[in-house]
Amino acid sequence: MRGNALPTGNSIAEAPRAANRPATTAGMVEKLGRLCARVAYALVGLGLRLVMARVFFISGQAKIEGPGVPIHWSPGGIDFSVTLPAGIKDTTFQMFERQYADLPMAPGVAAYLFSYAEFALPICLLLGFATRFAAVGLLALTMLLQVYVAPAMWWSLHVYWVSILMVLVLCGPGAISVDALIRTIYRRDRRLARG
């Protein structure tokens, strides 16, 4: 009468463990999947931030004048100079009066806004500091350029910039960023304050 036999003590104790094995395995697989996604997006987010920072920073450097800071890195063969913003070039004001005249703001205001935004916001992207705010700012500049200055550039250039910036706005900077460091410190301090 095996079918009607009562379970022994050992089989009762083993039943919850056996039931937990698939849940534990599924939990481990889920954690492993999250870790892989986090590592992958850390690298992707860093790459996207660097691409957009380079595009806007180079554009901003052409609009400002001021003292140059040489940057030399022998192992990478990098040798260039960064101009610190002490003022806006006269050619920038002329460009905003002619080519950017359709913007919904005064050309002088637009020249200052674009020039300083193209200097400061890419630095924020590079560091991963206030990344979402910096991406929103650069997204606004891109849309102003698209709508008022260069509508023909949508499919050849601006659609890619908008896509990259939207990923940064929606997903954040990734784990390799100042934002992630601040978030980690904040969570640790909250955990310590609770108990």
C-alpha atoms as a PDB file:
ATOM      1  CA  MET A   1       0.000   0.000   0.000  1.00  0.00           C
ATOM      2  CA  ARG A   2       2.608   2.405  -1.082  1.00  0.00           C
ATOM      3  CA  GLY A   3       0.098   4.854  -2.572  1.00  0.00           C
ATOM      4  CA  ASN A   4      -1.633   5.345   0.806  1.00  0.00           C
ATOM      5  CA  ALA A   5       1.541   5.458   2.873  1.00  0.00           C
ATOM      6  CA  LEU A   6       2.121   8.540   4.978  1.00  0.00           C
ATOM      7  CA  PRO A   7       5.215  10.590   4.179  1.00  0.00           C
ATOM      8  CA  THR A   8       8.203  10.009   6.399  1.00  0.00           C
ATOM      9  CA  GLY A   9       9.850  12.795   8.378  1.00  0.00           C
ATOM     10  CA  ASN A  10      12.673  13.089   5.864  1.00  0.00           C
ATOM     11  CA  SER A  11      10.423  13.582   2.846  1.00  0.00           C
ATOM     12  CA  ILE A  12       8.386  16.280   4.654  1.00  0.00           C
ATOM     13  CA  ALA A  13      11.530  18.254   5.419  1.00  0.00           C
ATOM     14  CA  GLU A  14      12.822  17.831   1.883  1.00  0.00           C
ATOM     15  CA  ALA A  15       9.604  19.010   0.214  1.00  0.00           C
ATOM     16  CA  PRO A  16      10.049  22.779   0.968  1.00  0.00           C
ATOM     17  CA  ARG A  17      13.700  22.606  -0.065  1.00  0.00           C
ATOM     18  CA  ALA A  18      12.816  20.953  -3.360  1.00  0.00           C
ATOM     19  CA  ALA A  19      10.075  23.524  -3.953  1.00  0.00           C
ATOM     20  CA  ASN A  20      12.535  26.366  -3.292  1.00  0.00           C
ATOM     21  CA  ARG A  21      15.198  25.065  -5.674  1.00  0.00           C
ATOM     22  CA  PRO A  22      13.485  26.240  -8.876  1.00  0.00           C
ATOM     23  CA  ALA A  23      12.627  29.603  -7.255  1.00  0.00           C
ATOM     24  CA  THR A  24      16.197  30.002  -6.026  1.00  0.00           C
ATOM     25  CA  THR A  25      17.605  29.060  -9.420  1.00  0.00           C
ATOM     26  CA  ALA A  26      15.224  31.452 -11.163  1.00  0.00           C
ATOM     27  CA  GLY A  27      16.205  34.184  -8.718  1.00  0.00           C
ATOM     28  CA  MET A  28      19.900  33.596  -9.379  1.00  0.00           C
ATOM     29  CA  VAL A  29      19.347  33.638 -13.141  1.00  0.00           C
ATOM     30  CA  GLU A  30      17.370  36.863 -12.795  1.00  0.00           C
ATOM     31  CA  LYS A  31      20.117  38.473 -10.690  1.00  0.00           C
ATOM     32  CA  LEU A  32      22.759  37.340 -13.189  1.00  0.00           C
ATOM     33  CA  GLY A  33      20.683  38.826 -16.025  1.00  0.00           C
ATOM     34  CA  ARG A  34      20.380  42.142 -14.182  1.00  0.00           C
ATOM     35  CA  LEU A  35      24.117  42.213 -13.496  1.00  0.00           C
ATOM     36  CA  CYS A  36      24.942  41.554 -17.162  1.00  0.00           C
ATOM     37  CA  ALA A  37      22.523  44.283 -18.267  1.00  0.00           C
ATOM     38  CA  ARG A  38      23.986  46.728 -15.747  1.00  0.00           C
ATOM     39  CA  VAL A  39      27.562  46.068 -16.880  1.00  0.00           C
ATOM     40  CA  ALA A  40      26.593  46.285 -20.543  1.00  0.00           C
ATOM     41  CA  TYR A  41      24.697  49.563 -20.063  1.00  0.00           C
ATOM     42  CA  ALA A  42      27.560  50.981 -17.987  1.00  0.00           C
ATOM     43  CA  LEU A  43      29.759  50.678 -21.074  1.00  0.00           C
ATOM     44  CA  VAL A  44      27.049  51.704 -23.552  1.00  0.00           C
ATOM     45  CA  GLY A  45      26.051  54.703 -21.430  1.00  0.00           C
ATOM     46  CA  LEU A  46      29.683  55.808 -21.180  1.00  0.00           C
ATOM     47  CA  GLY A  47      30.092  55.502 -24.946  1.00  0.00           C
ATOM     48  CA  LEU A  48      26.911  57.468 -25.684  1.00  0.00           C
ATOM     49  CA  ARG A  49      27.936  60.208 -23.250  1.00  0.00           C
ATOM     50  CA  LEU A  50      31.393  60.492 -24.831  1.00  0.00           C
ATOM     51  CA  VAL A  51      29.989  60.656 -28.380  1.00  0.00           C
ATOM     52  CA  MET A  52      27.542  63.456 -27.577  1.00  0.00           C
ATOM     53  CA  ALA A  53      30.000  65.339 -25.374  1.00  0.00           C
ATOM     54  CA  ARG A  54      32.545  65.386 -28.194  1.00  0.00           C
ATOM     55  CA  VAL A  55      30.035  66.627 -30.793  1.00  0.00           C
ATOM     56  CA  PHE A  56      28.810  69.568 -28.718  1.00  0.00           C
ATOM     57  CA  PHE A  57      32.107  70.420 -26.992  1.00  0.00           C
ATOM     58  CA  ILE A  58      33.972  70.833 -30.292  1.00  0.00           C
ATOM     59  CA  SER A  59      31.156  73.031 -31.582  1.00  0.00           C
ATOM     60  CA  GLY A  60      31.278  75.123 -28.407  1.00  0.00           C
ATOM     61  CA  GLN A  61      35.059  75.511 -28.600  1.00  0.00           C
ATOM     62  CA  ALA A  62      34.683  77.160 -32.012  1.00  0.00           C
ATOM     63  CA  LYS A  63      32.322  79.788 -30.554  1.00  0.00           C
ATOM     64  CA  ILE A  64      34.289  81.008 -27.516  1.00  0.00           C
ATOM     65  CA  GLU A  65      37.559  82.779 -26.872  1.00  0.00           C
ATOM     66  CA  GLY A  66      39.768  82.779 -23.827  1.00  0.00           C
ATOM     67  CA  PRO A  67      42.896  81.237 -22.402  1.00  0.00           C
ATOM     68  CA  GLY A  68      43.878  77.829 -23.700  1.00  0.00           C
ATOM     69  CA  VAL A  69      44.747  74.940 -21.427  1.00  0.00           C
ATOM     70  CA  PRO A  70      47.081  72.447 -23.113  1.00  0.00           C
ATOM     71  CA  ILE A  71      46.362  68.783 -22.502  1.00  0.00           C
ATOM     72  CA  HIS A  72      49.171  66.306 -23.141  1.00  0.00           C
ATOM     73  CA  TRP A  73      48.811  62.572 -22.650  1.00  0.00           C
ATOM     74  CA  SER A  74      51.862  60.734 -23.921  1.00  0.00           C
ATOM     75  CA  PRO A  75      50.625  57.100 -23.745  1.00  0.00           C
ATOM     76  CA  GLY A  76      47.574  57.868 -25.870  1.00  0.00           C
ATOM     77  CA  GLY A  77      49.341  60.348 -28.131  1.00  0.00           C
ATOM     78  CA  ILE A  78      46.778  62.997 -27.214  1.00  0.00           C
ATOM     79  CA  ASP A  79      47.896  66.581 -27.573  1.00  0.00           C
ATOM     80  CA  PHE A  80      45.300  69.357 -27.787  1.00  0.00           C
ATOM     81  CA  SER A  81      44.219  72.583 -26.138  1.00  0.00           C
ATOM     82  CA  VAL A  82      40.911  73.424 -24.440  1.00  0.00           C
ATOM     83  CA  THR A  83      39.740  77.033 -24.615  1.00  0.00           C
ATOM     84  CA  LEU A  84      38.211  78.289 -21.385  1.00  0.00           C
ATOM     85  CA  PRO A  85      35.268  80.647 -21.947  1.00  0.00           C
ATOM     86  CA  ALA A  86      36.289  84.227 -21.238  1.00  0.00           C
ATOM     87  CA  GLY A  87      34.068  85.630 -23.967  1.00  0.00           C
ATOM     88  CA  ILE A  88      32.194  84.956 -27.169  1.00  0.00           C
ATOM     89  CA  LYS A  89      33.941  85.431 -30.522  1.00  0.00           C
ATOM     90  CA  ASP A  90      32.738  88.230 -32.797  1.00  0.00           C
ATOM     91  CA  THR A  91      32.275  85.669 -35.560  1.00  0.00           C
ATOM     92  CA  THR A  92      29.850  83.800 -33.288  1.00  0.00           C
ATOM     93  CA  PHE A  93      27.671  86.893 -32.892  1.00  0.00           C
ATOM     94  CA  GLN A  94      27.768  87.408 -36.671  1.00  0.00           C
ATOM     95  CA  MET A  95      26.817  83.770 -37.261  1.00  0.00           C
ATOM     96  CA  PHE A  96      23.824  84.056 -34.913  1.00  0.00           C
ATOM     97  CA  GLU A  97      22.712  87.289 -36.615  1.00  0.00           C
ATOM     98  CA  ARG A  98      22.826  85.678 -40.073  1.00  0.00           C
ATOM     99  CA  GLN A  99      22.521  81.885 -40.041  1.00  0.00           C
ATOM    100  CA  TYR A 100      20.657  81.510 -36.733  1.00  0.00           C
ATOM    101  CA  ALA A 101      18.438  84.590 -37.131  1.00  0.00           C
ATOM    102  CA  ASP A 102      15.215  82.539 -37.184  1.00  0.00           C
ATOM    103  CA  LEU A 103      15.654  81.298 -33.596  1.00  0.00           C
ATOM    104  CA  PRO A 104      12.833  82.468 -31.279  1.00  0.00           C
ATOM    105  CA  MET A 105      15.198  84.670 -29.240  1.00  0.00           C
ATOM    106  CA  ALA A 106      17.491  87.615 -29.792  1.00  0.00           C
ATOM    107  CA  PRO A 107      20.702  86.693 -31.646  1.00  0.00           C
ATOM    108  CA  GLY A 108      22.892  87.970 -28.791  1.00  0.00           C
ATOM    109  CA  VAL A 109      21.021  85.887 -26.217  1.00  0.00           C
ATOM    110  CA  ALA A 110      21.148  82.835 -28.497  1.00  0.00           C
ATOM    111  CA  ALA A 111      24.908  83.280 -29.005  1.00  0.00           C
ATOM    112  CA  TYR A 112      25.548  83.300 -25.252  1.00  0.00           C
ATOM    113  CA  LEU A 113      23.083  80.485 -24.561  1.00  0.00           C
ATOM    114  CA  PHE A 114      24.417  78.121 -27.235  1.00  0.00           C
ATOM    115  CA  SER A 115      28.097  78.925 -26.633  1.00  0.00           C
ATOM    116  CA  TYR A 116      28.086  78.439 -22.874  1.00  0.00           C
ATOM    117  CA  ALA A 117      25.703  75.471 -23.009  1.00  0.00           C
ATOM    118  CA  GLU A 118      27.964  73.783 -25.568  1.00  0.00           C
ATOM    119  CA  PHE A 119      30.875  74.279 -23.167  1.00  0.00           C
ATOM    120  CA  ALA A 120      29.299  73.286 -19.822  1.00  0.00           C
ATOM    121  CA  LEU A 121      26.773  70.569 -20.716  1.00  0.00           C
ATOM    122  CA  PRO A 122      29.253  68.290 -22.549  1.00  0.00           C
ATOM    123  CA  ILE A 123      31.526  68.419 -19.485  1.00  0.00           C
ATOM    124  CA  CYS A 124      28.569  67.255 -17.388  1.00  0.00           C
ATOM    125  CA  LEU A 125      27.976  64.412 -19.863  1.00  0.00           C
ATOM    126  CA  LEU A 126      31.643  63.442 -19.847  1.00  0.00           C
ATOM    127  CA  LEU A 127      31.697  63.190 -16.050  1.00  0.00           C
ATOM    128  CA  GLY A 128      28.248  61.679 -15.822  1.00  0.00           C
ATOM    129  CA  PHE A 129      27.180  64.498 -13.493  1.00  0.00           C
ATOM    130  CA  ALA A 130      23.561  65.710 -13.755  1.00  0.00           C
ATOM    131  CA  THR A 131      23.470  63.639 -16.923  1.00  0.00           C
ATOM    132  CA  ARG A 132      19.737  63.716 -17.466  1.00  0.00           C
ATOM    133  CA  PHE A 133      19.601  67.514 -17.087  1.00  0.00           C
ATOM    134  CA  ALA A 134      22.574  67.949 -19.433  1.00  0.00           C
ATOM    135  CA  ALA A 135      20.985  65.624 -21.989  1.00  0.00           C
ATOM    136  CA  VAL A 136      17.682  67.535 -21.803  1.00  0.00           C
ATOM    137  CA  GLY A 137      19.571  70.811 -22.352  1.00  0.00           C
ATOM    138  CA  LEU A 138      21.433  69.443 -25.369  1.00  0.00           C
ATOM    139  CA  LEU A 139      18.197  67.930 -26.656  1.00  0.00           C
ATOM    140  CA  ALA A 140      16.574  71.389 -26.479  1.00  0.00           C
ATOM    141  CA  LEU A 141      19.514  72.912 -28.402  1.00  0.00           C
ATOM    142  CA  THR A 142      19.262  70.160 -31.016  1.00  0.00           C
ATOM    143  CA  MET A 143      15.531  70.702 -31.482  1.00  0.00           C
ATOM    144  CA  LEU A 144      16.014  74.482 -31.789  1.00  0.00           C
ATOM    145  CA  LEU A 145      18.634  73.861 -34.469  1.00  0.00           C
ATOM    146  CA  GLN A 146      16.377  71.379 -36.206  1.00  0.00           C
ATOM    147  CA  VAL A 147      13.235  73.485 -36.241  1.00  0.00           C
ATOM    148  CA  TYR A 148      14.651  76.979 -36.806  1.00  0.00           C
ATOM    149  CA  VAL A 149      18.103  76.662 -38.370  1.00  0.00           C
ATOM    150  CA  ALA A 150      18.625  73.431 -40.312  1.00  0.00           C
ATOM    151  CA  PRO A 151      15.365  71.538 -40.971  1.00  0.00           C
ATOM    152  CA  ALA A 152      17.001  69.578 -43.792  1.00  0.00           C
ATOM    153  CA  MET A 153      19.448  67.965 -41.333  1.00  0.00           C
ATOM    154  CA  TRP A 154      16.866  65.766 -39.551  1.00  0.00           C
ATOM    155  CA  TRP A 155      17.460  62.424 -41.278  1.00  0.00           C
ATOM    156  CA  SER A 156      21.148  62.940 -41.936  1.00  0.00           C
ATOM    157  CA  LEU A 157      22.197  63.992 -38.414  1.00  0.00           C
ATOM    158  CA  HIS A 158      19.736  65.290 -35.849  1.00  0.00           C
ATOM    159  CA  VAL A 159      17.626  62.118 -35.599  1.00  0.00           C
ATOM    160  CA  TYR A 160      20.716  60.299 -34.293  1.00  0.00           C
ATOM    161  CA  TRP A 161      21.543  63.032 -31.789  1.00  0.00           C
ATOM    162  CA  VAL A 162      17.950  63.053 -30.534  1.00  0.00           C
ATOM    163  CA  SER A 163      17.932  59.251 -30.224  1.00  0.00           C
ATOM    164  CA  ILE A 164      21.167  59.151 -28.237  1.00  0.00           C
ATOM    165  CA  LEU A 165      20.119  62.018 -25.984  1.00  0.00           C
ATOM    166  CA  MET A 166      16.720  60.402 -25.359  1.00  0.00           C
ATOM    167  CA  VAL A 167      18.433  57.176 -24.255  1.00  0.00           C
ATOM    168  CA  LEU A 168      20.522  59.196 -21.789  1.00  0.00           C
ATOM    169  CA  VAL A 169      17.438  61.040 -20.511  1.00  0.00           C
ATOM    170  CA  LEU A 170      15.400  57.858 -20.070  1.00  0.00           C
ATOM    171  CA  CYS A 171      18.064  55.393 -18.889  1.00  0.00           C
ATOM    172  CA  GLY A 172      20.566  57.700 -17.190  1.00  0.00           C
ATOM    173  CA  PRO A 173      24.351  57.740 -17.383  1.00  0.00           C
ATOM    174  CA  GLY A 174      25.118  54.152 -16.390  1.00  0.00           C
ATOM    175  CA  ALA A 175      27.266  52.845 -13.546  1.00  0.00           C
ATOM    176  CA  ILE A 176      30.466  54.594 -14.654  1.00  0.00           C
ATOM    177  CA  SER A 177      29.434  58.119 -13.638  1.00  0.00           C
ATOM    178  CA  VAL A 178      29.402  60.668 -10.859  1.00  0.00           C
ATOM    179  CA  ASP A 179      25.607  60.305 -10.738  1.00  0.00           C
ATOM    180  CA  ALA A 180      25.969  56.585  -9.917  1.00  0.00           C
ATOM    181  CA  LEU A 181      28.536  57.372  -7.217  1.00  0.00           C
ATOM    182  CA  ILE A 182      26.221  59.963  -5.641  1.00  0.00           C
ATOM    183  CA  ARG A 183      23.297  57.510  -5.801  1.00  0.00           C
ATOM    184  CA  THR A 184      25.398  54.791  -4.108  1.00  0.00           C
ATOM    185  CA  ILE A 185      26.512  57.126  -1.308  1.00  0.00           C
ATOM    186  CA  TYR A 186      22.951  58.396  -0.809  1.00  0.00           C
ATOM    187  CA  ARG A 187      21.531  54.868  -0.563  1.00  0.00           C
ATOM    188  CA  ARG A 188      24.262  53.820   1.874  1.00  0.00           C
ATOM    189  CA  ASP A 189      23.621  56.847   4.093  1.00  0.00           C
ATOM    190  CA  ARG A 190      19.852  56.193   4.077  1.00  0.00           C
ATOM    191  CA  ARG A 191      20.442  52.564   4.989  1.00  0.00           C
ATOM    192  CA  LEU A 192      22.725  53.587   7.870  1.00  0.00           C
ATOM    193  CA  ALA A 193      20.240  56.206   9.083  1.00  0.00           C
ATOM    194  CA  ARG A 194      17.430  53.627   9.213  1.00  0.00           C
ATOM    195  CA  GLY A 195      19.240  51.341  11.486  1.00  0.00           C
END
